[in-house]
Amino acid sequence: MRIARLWAAAGLLAALGACGGREPLKPLAGQPSPAIPVGGETPPTAAQLTQPSVQARPQRNVELLTQSRKRTEDYFDLPPEKAP
């Protein structure tokens, strides 16, 4: 009986997780459109507003180090100050 309840709960959670909407976003009726950005001519679309910016998702640097290099001296790498 206990196993049946666990399977039923797992099935219910799977069904609830699969019921998300897959329709494109549309503005609500009566709501104002988004503000026009400075220098822009038209307001951004829903697809443009939902895409993360480059700052939010930066590109990965895949450049591999092929040779080891000696570290240069860092003038700002100072020891901590002594407590007064």
Protein backbone atom coordinates (compact mmCIF):
# COMPACT_ATOMS: atom_id res chain seq x y z
CA MET A 1 0.00 0.00 0.00
CA ARG A 2 2.82 2.37 0.88
CA ILE A 3 4.62 1.74 -2.40
CA ALA A 4 1.41 2.37 -4.33
CA ARG A 5 1.03 5.74 -2.63
CA LEU A 6 4.61 6.66 -3.48
CA TRP A 7 4.06 5.72 -7.13
CA ALA A 8 0.81 7.70 -7.20
CA ALA A 9 2.52 10.75 -5.68
CA ALA A 10 5.39 10.47 -8.18
CA GLY A 11 2.91 10.22 -11.06
CA LEU A 12 0.99 13.23 -9.80
CA LEU A 13 4.17 15.30 -9.52
CA ALA A 14 5.26 14.25 -13.02
CA ALA A 15 1.85 15.20 -14.43
CA LEU A 16 1.92 18.58 -12.71
CA GLY A 17 5.42 19.25 -13.96
CA ALA A 18 4.41 18.53 -17.55
CA CYS A 19 1.42 20.87 -17.68
CA GLY A 20 3.34 24.09 -18.32
CA GLY A 21 2.23 26.33 -21.16
CA ARG A 22 4.18 26.38 -24.43
CA GLU A 23 2.48 29.31 -26.14
CA PRO A 24 4.34 32.47 -27.19
CA LEU A 25 4.01 35.40 -24.81
CA LYS A 26 1.40 38.03 -25.67
CA PRO A 27 0.73 41.35 -23.94
CA LEU A 28 -2.43 41.53 -21.84
CA ALA A 29 -5.35 43.48 -23.23
CA GLY A 30 -5.45 47.02 -21.88
CA GLN A 31 -1.86 46.97 -20.62
CA PRO A 32 0.61 49.54 -21.99
CA SER A 33 3.40 48.27 -24.19
CA PRO A 34 6.97 48.31 -22.83
CA ALA A 35 8.84 51.59 -22.93
CA ILE A 36 10.86 52.35 -26.03
CA PRO A 37 14.58 52.23 -25.20
CA VAL A 38 16.72 55.34 -25.68
CA GLY A 39 17.82 55.46 -29.30
CA GLY A 40 15.27 52.84 -30.36
CA GLU A 41 12.37 53.30 -32.73
CA THR A 42 10.01 50.53 -31.64
CA PRO A 43 9.24 48.88 -28.30
CA PRO A 44 10.93 45.51 -27.74
CA THR A 45 8.98 42.34 -28.44
CA ALA A 46 8.26 39.64 -25.85
CA ALA A 47 10.98 37.42 -27.34
CA GLN A 48 13.55 40.21 -27.05
CA LEU A 49 12.56 40.91 -23.44
CA THR A 50 12.91 37.27 -22.38
CA GLN A 51 16.36 36.68 -23.88
CA PRO A 52 19.13 37.24 -21.29
CA SER A 53 21.70 39.90 -22.03
CA VAL A 54 25.39 39.21 -22.55
CA GLN A 55 26.05 40.42 -19.00
CA ALA A 56 23.53 37.96 -17.61
CA ARG A 57 24.98 35.02 -19.57
CA PRO A 58 28.54 35.78 -20.67
CA GLN A 59 30.21 33.69 -23.33
CA ARG A 60 32.52 30.96 -22.13
CA ASN A 61 36.21 31.47 -22.74
CA VAL A 62 37.45 28.21 -24.23
CA GLU A 63 40.99 29.36 -24.88
CA LEU A 64 43.23 26.72 -23.35
CA LEU A 65 46.58 27.44 -21.86
CA THR A 66 49.11 25.61 -24.02
CA GLN A 67 52.25 26.80 -22.26
CA SER A 68 52.87 27.77 -18.68
CA ARG A 69 53.94 31.35 -18.16
CA LYS A 70 55.77 32.93 -15.29
CA ARG A 71 53.61 35.24 -13.22
CA THR A 72 54.37 38.90 -13.45
CA GLU A 73 54.81 40.89 -10.27
CA ASP A 74 51.58 42.25 -8.82
CA TYR A 75 52.18 45.60 -7.14
CA PHE A 76 48.76 45.50 -5.47
CA ASP A 77 49.30 42.11 -3.78
CA LEU A 78 50.23 43.55 -0.41
CA PRO A 79 50.36 41.79 2.95
CA PRO A 80 47.50 42.57 5.35
CA GLU A 81 47.93 45.57 7.63
CA LYS A 82 48.82 44.95 11.25
CA ALA A 83 46.07 45.56 13.77
CA PRO A 84 46.60 48.79 15.77
